[in-house]
Amino acid sequence: MRTQRSKKQPNVFETLGFAPAEAEHLRVRAELLVALQENVRKRELTQSAAAKLLGVSQPRVSNLLSGQLDLFSADALIELLARVGIGVSVTLKPLRPGRVA
């Protein structure tokens, strides 16, 4: 079987003009948010049921499902993921190989 190598995907937030450090922070938060959205949708929960499971209000679940990233810190997203039984693993790597800020 032949393995196809994928090119590194550019950080969409950096492409939009955010500074590299901020773009990376936004990318991580977006990844956490999407994982949480997928979990809630996979379980086919109503917003009210998701709110009970997550321990938040229904409007907060609405914010989550509509992708309002600016309303959620990384800490809050990690906490919500833990409440649905998802742990978070961290991989550290240079943002730009060979470049030191």
N, C-alpha and C. Protein backbone atom coordinates (compact mmCIF):
# COMPACT_ATOMS: atom_id res chain seq x y z
N MET A 1 0.85 -1.17 0.00
CA MET A 1 0.00 0.00 0.00
C MET A 1 0.89 1.24 0.00
N ARG A 2 0.55 2.17 -0.83
CA ARG A 2 1.32 3.40 -0.94
C ARG A 2 0.71 4.47 -0.04
N THR A 3 1.55 5.08 0.77
CA THR A 3 1.09 6.14 1.66
C THR A 3 1.29 7.48 0.98
N GLN A 4 0.25 8.27 0.96
CA GLN A 4 0.33 9.58 0.35
C GLN A 4 0.71 10.60 1.42
N ARG A 5 1.70 11.38 1.17
CA ARG A 5 2.13 12.43 2.10
C ARG A 5 1.30 13.67 1.88
N SER A 6 0.76 14.17 2.96
CA SER A 6 0.00 15.41 2.83
C SER A 6 0.90 16.58 3.16
N LYS A 7 0.70 17.67 2.44
CA LYS A 7 1.45 18.89 2.72
C LYS A 7 0.88 19.52 3.98
N LYS A 8 1.73 20.22 4.72
CA LYS A 8 1.26 20.89 5.92
C LYS A 8 0.21 21.92 5.53
N GLN A 9 -0.93 21.82 6.19
CA GLN A 9 -2.01 22.76 5.93
C GLN A 9 -1.67 24.10 6.58
N PRO A 10 -1.87 25.19 5.86
CA PRO A 10 -1.59 26.49 6.46
C PRO A 10 -2.62 26.80 7.55
N ASN A 11 -2.21 27.55 8.54
CA ASN A 11 -3.12 27.98 9.60
C ASN A 11 -4.02 29.05 9.00
N VAL A 12 -5.30 28.77 8.92
CA VAL A 12 -6.24 29.69 8.30
C VAL A 12 -6.24 31.05 9.00
N PHE A 13 -6.01 31.07 10.30
CA PHE A 13 -6.00 32.33 11.03
C PHE A 13 -4.77 33.17 10.67
N GLU A 14 -3.66 32.51 10.41
CA GLU A 14 -2.47 33.24 9.96
C GLU A 14 -2.71 33.79 8.55
N THR A 15 -3.36 32.97 7.73
CA THR A 15 -3.70 33.40 6.37
C THR A 15 -4.61 34.64 6.41
N LEU A 16 -5.47 34.71 7.44
CA LEU A 16 -6.37 35.85 7.59
C LEU A 16 -5.68 37.09 8.16
N GLY A 17 -4.39 36.96 8.50
CA GLY A 17 -3.64 38.12 8.93
C GLY A 17 -3.32 38.20 10.41
N PHE A 18 -3.70 37.18 11.18
CA PHE A 18 -3.34 37.18 12.59
C PHE A 18 -1.85 36.89 12.75
N ALA A 19 -1.27 37.46 13.80
CA ALA A 19 0.13 37.18 14.11
C ALA A 19 0.28 35.68 14.39
N PRO A 20 1.45 35.10 14.10
CA PRO A 20 1.63 33.66 14.26
C PRO A 20 1.21 33.11 15.63
N ALA A 21 1.58 33.77 16.71
CA ALA A 21 1.24 33.26 18.04
C ALA A 21 -0.27 33.29 18.27
N GLU A 22 -0.91 34.37 17.88
CA GLU A 22 -2.36 34.47 18.05
C GLU A 22 -3.08 33.48 17.13
N ALA A 23 -2.58 33.32 15.92
CA ALA A 23 -3.17 32.38 14.97
C ALA A 23 -3.11 30.96 15.51
N GLU A 24 -2.01 30.62 16.15
CA GLU A 24 -1.88 29.27 16.73
C GLU A 24 -2.85 29.08 17.88
N HIS A 25 -3.01 30.09 18.71
CA HIS A 25 -3.96 30.01 19.82
C HIS A 25 -5.39 29.84 19.28
N LEU A 26 -5.74 30.59 18.26
CA LEU A 26 -7.06 30.46 17.65
C LEU A 26 -7.26 29.09 17.02
N ARG A 27 -6.22 28.57 16.38
CA ARG A 27 -6.31 27.25 15.75
C ARG A 27 -6.60 26.18 16.79
N VAL A 28 -5.89 26.24 17.91
CA VAL A 28 -6.08 25.24 18.97
C VAL A 28 -7.51 25.34 19.52
N ARG A 29 -7.96 26.55 19.81
CA ARG A 29 -9.32 26.73 20.33
C ARG A 29 -10.36 26.23 19.33
N ALA A 30 -10.14 26.51 18.05
CA ALA A 30 -11.08 26.06 17.02
C ALA A 30 -11.13 24.53 16.97
N GLU A 31 -9.99 23.89 17.08
CA GLU A 31 -9.94 22.43 17.06
C GLU A 31 -10.72 21.84 18.25
N LEU A 32 -10.56 22.45 19.42
CA LEU A 32 -11.29 22.00 20.61
C LEU A 32 -12.79 22.22 20.42
N LEU A 33 -13.17 23.38 19.89
CA LEU A 33 -14.58 23.71 19.67
C LEU A 33 -15.21 22.72 18.70
N VAL A 34 -14.55 22.42 17.61
CA VAL A 34 -15.09 21.49 16.62
C VAL A 34 -15.26 20.10 17.22
N ALA A 35 -14.31 19.64 18.03
CA ALA A 35 -14.43 18.33 18.66
C ALA A 35 -15.66 18.28 19.56
N LEU A 36 -15.91 19.34 20.27
CA LEU A 36 -17.07 19.41 21.15
C LEU A 36 -18.37 19.45 20.33
N GLN A 37 -18.39 20.25 19.28
CA GLN A 37 -19.56 20.30 18.40
C GLN A 37 -19.87 18.91 17.83
N GLU A 38 -18.85 18.24 17.35
CA GLU A 38 -19.03 16.91 16.75
C GLU A 38 -19.58 15.92 17.77
N ASN A 39 -19.10 16.00 19.01
CA ASN A 39 -19.57 15.10 20.05
C ASN A 39 -21.05 15.33 20.35
N VAL A 40 -21.44 16.59 20.49
CA VAL A 40 -22.84 16.92 20.79
C VAL A 40 -23.73 16.46 19.62
N ARG A 41 -23.30 16.71 18.40
CA ARG A 41 -24.11 16.34 17.23
C ARG A 41 -24.18 14.81 17.07
N LYS A 42 -23.07 14.13 17.32
CA LYS A 42 -23.04 12.67 17.21
C LYS A 42 -24.02 12.03 18.19
N ARG A 43 -24.14 12.61 19.37
CA ARG A 43 -25.07 12.10 20.38
C ARG A 43 -26.52 12.49 20.08
N GLU A 44 -26.70 13.35 19.08
CA GLU A 44 -28.03 13.83 18.68
C GLU A 44 -28.78 14.44 19.87
N LEU A 45 -28.06 15.24 20.64
CA LEU A 45 -28.64 15.90 21.80
C LEU A 45 -29.37 17.17 21.41
N THR A 46 -30.47 17.44 22.08
CA THR A 46 -31.08 18.75 21.94
C THR A 46 -30.18 19.74 22.67
N GLN A 47 -30.37 21.01 22.40
CA GLN A 47 -29.55 22.00 23.11
C GLN A 47 -29.81 21.94 24.61
N SER A 48 -31.03 21.68 25.01
CA SER A 48 -31.34 21.57 26.44
C SER A 48 -30.64 20.38 27.07
N ALA A 49 -30.66 19.24 26.39
CA ALA A 49 -29.99 18.04 26.90
C ALA A 49 -28.47 18.26 26.94
N ALA A 50 -27.94 18.90 25.92
CA ALA A 50 -26.50 19.18 25.89
C ALA A 50 -26.13 20.13 27.03
N ALA A 51 -26.99 21.10 27.30
CA ALA A 51 -26.74 22.06 28.38
C ALA A 51 -26.65 21.33 29.73
N LYS A 52 -27.57 20.39 29.96
CA LYS A 52 -27.54 19.62 31.20
C LYS A 52 -26.26 18.79 31.31
N LEU A 53 -25.91 18.13 30.23
CA LEU A 53 -24.70 17.30 30.20
C LEU A 53 -23.45 18.13 30.46
N LEU A 54 -23.40 19.30 29.84
CA LEU A 54 -22.21 20.15 29.94
C LEU A 54 -22.20 21.03 31.18
N GLY A 55 -23.35 21.16 31.82
CA GLY A 55 -23.43 22.00 33.01
C GLY A 55 -23.39 23.49 32.68
N VAL A 56 -23.99 23.83 31.54
CA VAL A 56 -24.04 25.23 31.10
C VAL A 56 -25.48 25.55 30.70
N SER A 57 -25.73 26.80 30.36
CA SER A 57 -27.07 27.20 29.93
C SER A 57 -27.30 26.81 28.46
N GLN A 58 -28.56 26.75 28.07
CA GLN A 58 -28.90 26.45 26.68
C GLN A 58 -28.35 27.52 25.73
N PRO A 59 -28.41 28.83 26.09
CA PRO A 59 -27.82 29.82 25.19
C PRO A 59 -26.31 29.60 24.99
N ARG A 60 -25.65 29.11 26.03
CA ARG A 60 -24.21 28.82 25.91
C ARG A 60 -23.98 27.68 24.91
N VAL A 61 -24.86 26.68 24.93
CA VAL A 61 -24.76 25.58 23.96
C VAL A 61 -25.02 26.13 22.55
N SER A 62 -25.96 27.03 22.42
CA SER A 62 -26.23 27.66 21.13
C SER A 62 -24.99 28.38 20.62
N ASN A 63 -24.31 29.10 21.51
CA ASN A 63 -23.06 29.78 21.13
C ASN A 63 -22.03 28.77 20.65
N LEU A 64 -21.93 27.65 21.35
CA LEU A 64 -20.98 26.60 21.01
C LEU A 64 -21.28 26.01 19.64
N LEU A 65 -22.54 25.64 19.43
CA LEU A 65 -22.91 24.97 18.18
C LEU A 65 -22.87 25.90 16.98
N SER A 66 -22.99 27.20 17.22
CA SER A 66 -22.90 28.15 16.10
C SER A 66 -21.47 28.61 15.86
N GLY A 67 -20.52 28.05 16.62
CA GLY A 67 -19.11 28.30 16.36
C GLY A 67 -18.59 29.64 16.81
N GLN A 68 -19.17 30.21 17.84
CA GLN A 68 -18.74 31.52 18.33
C GLN A 68 -17.46 31.36 19.17
N LEU A 69 -16.38 31.15 18.48
CA LEU A 69 -15.09 30.86 19.07
C LEU A 69 -14.63 31.92 20.06
N ASP A 70 -14.95 33.17 19.77
CA ASP A 70 -14.50 34.27 20.63
C ASP A 70 -15.10 34.22 22.03
N LEU A 71 -16.15 33.42 22.23
CA LEU A 71 -16.81 33.34 23.53
C LEU A 71 -16.28 32.22 24.42
N PHE A 72 -15.30 31.45 23.92
CA PHE A 72 -14.79 30.30 24.66
C PHE A 72 -13.27 30.33 24.77
N SER A 73 -12.78 30.24 25.99
CA SER A 73 -11.34 30.13 26.20
C SER A 73 -10.93 28.67 26.00
N ALA A 74 -9.65 28.45 25.83
CA ALA A 74 -9.15 27.08 25.72
C ALA A 74 -9.47 26.30 26.99
N ASP A 75 -9.31 26.93 28.15
CA ASP A 75 -9.62 26.27 29.42
C ASP A 75 -11.08 25.84 29.47
N ALA A 76 -11.99 26.72 29.07
CA ALA A 76 -13.42 26.39 29.10
C ALA A 76 -13.72 25.22 28.16
N LEU A 77 -13.14 25.22 26.99
CA LEU A 77 -13.37 24.15 26.03
C LEU A 77 -12.83 22.82 26.53
N ILE A 78 -11.66 22.84 27.16
CA ILE A 78 -11.09 21.61 27.72
C ILE A 78 -11.98 21.07 28.83
N GLU A 79 -12.50 21.96 29.66
CA GLU A 79 -13.42 21.55 30.73
C GLU A 79 -14.69 20.93 30.15
N LEU A 80 -15.26 21.54 29.13
CA LEU A 80 -16.47 21.00 28.51
C LEU A 80 -16.21 19.66 27.84
N LEU A 81 -15.06 19.52 27.21
CA LEU A 81 -14.71 18.23 26.60
C LEU A 81 -14.59 17.15 27.67
N ALA A 82 -14.01 17.48 28.81
CA ALA A 82 -13.90 16.51 29.90
C ALA A 82 -15.28 16.07 30.37
N ARG A 83 -16.22 16.98 30.38
CA ARG A 83 -17.58 16.66 30.83
C ARG A 83 -18.30 15.68 29.90
N VAL A 84 -17.88 15.60 28.64
CA VAL A 84 -18.45 14.62 27.72
C VAL A 84 -17.53 13.41 27.57
N GLY A 85 -16.50 13.34 28.40
CA GLY A 85 -15.62 12.17 28.40
C GLY A 85 -14.50 12.19 27.40
N ILE A 86 -14.11 13.36 26.97
CA ILE A 86 -13.01 13.48 26.01
C ILE A 86 -11.82 14.15 26.69
N GLY A 87 -10.68 13.48 26.68
CA GLY A 87 -9.45 14.06 27.20
C GLY A 87 -8.71 14.78 26.09
N VAL A 88 -7.84 15.67 26.49
CA VAL A 88 -7.06 16.46 25.53
C VAL A 88 -5.59 16.09 25.68
N SER A 89 -4.94 15.86 24.58
CA SER A 89 -3.51 15.58 24.55
C SER A 89 -2.82 16.73 23.85
N VAL A 90 -1.64 17.09 24.31
CA VAL A 90 -0.93 18.23 23.76
C VAL A 90 0.35 17.76 23.08
N THR A 91 0.58 18.27 21.88
CA THR A 91 1.82 18.02 21.16
C THR A 91 2.50 19.36 20.95
N LEU A 92 3.73 19.46 21.37
CA LEU A 92 4.48 20.71 21.21
C LEU A 92 5.40 20.61 20.01
N LYS A 93 5.42 21.67 19.22
CA LYS A 93 6.29 21.71 18.04
C LYS A 93 6.60 23.15 17.71
N PRO A 94 7.70 23.39 17.03
CA PRO A 94 8.00 24.76 16.63
C PRO A 94 6.95 25.24 15.63
N LEU A 95 6.57 26.50 15.75
CA LEU A 95 5.60 27.07 14.81
C LEU A 95 6.21 27.14 13.42
N ARG A 96 7.43 27.59 13.38
CA ARG A 96 8.15 27.68 12.10
C ARG A 96 9.52 27.08 12.33
N PRO A 97 9.75 25.90 11.77
CA PRO A 97 11.03 25.22 12.00
C PRO A 97 12.23 26.13 11.67
N GLY A 98 13.19 26.11 12.58
CA GLY A 98 14.43 26.86 12.36
C GLY A 98 14.35 28.33 12.72
N ARG A 99 13.19 28.80 13.15
CA ARG A 99 13.04 30.24 13.46
C ARG A 99 12.77 30.40 14.95
N VAL A 100 13.58 31.21 15.57
CA VAL A 100 13.39 31.50 16.99
C VAL A 100 12.94 32.95 17.11
N ALA A 101 11.85 33.16 17.85
CA ALA A 101 11.32 34.52 17.98
C ALA A 101 12.14 35.35 18.94
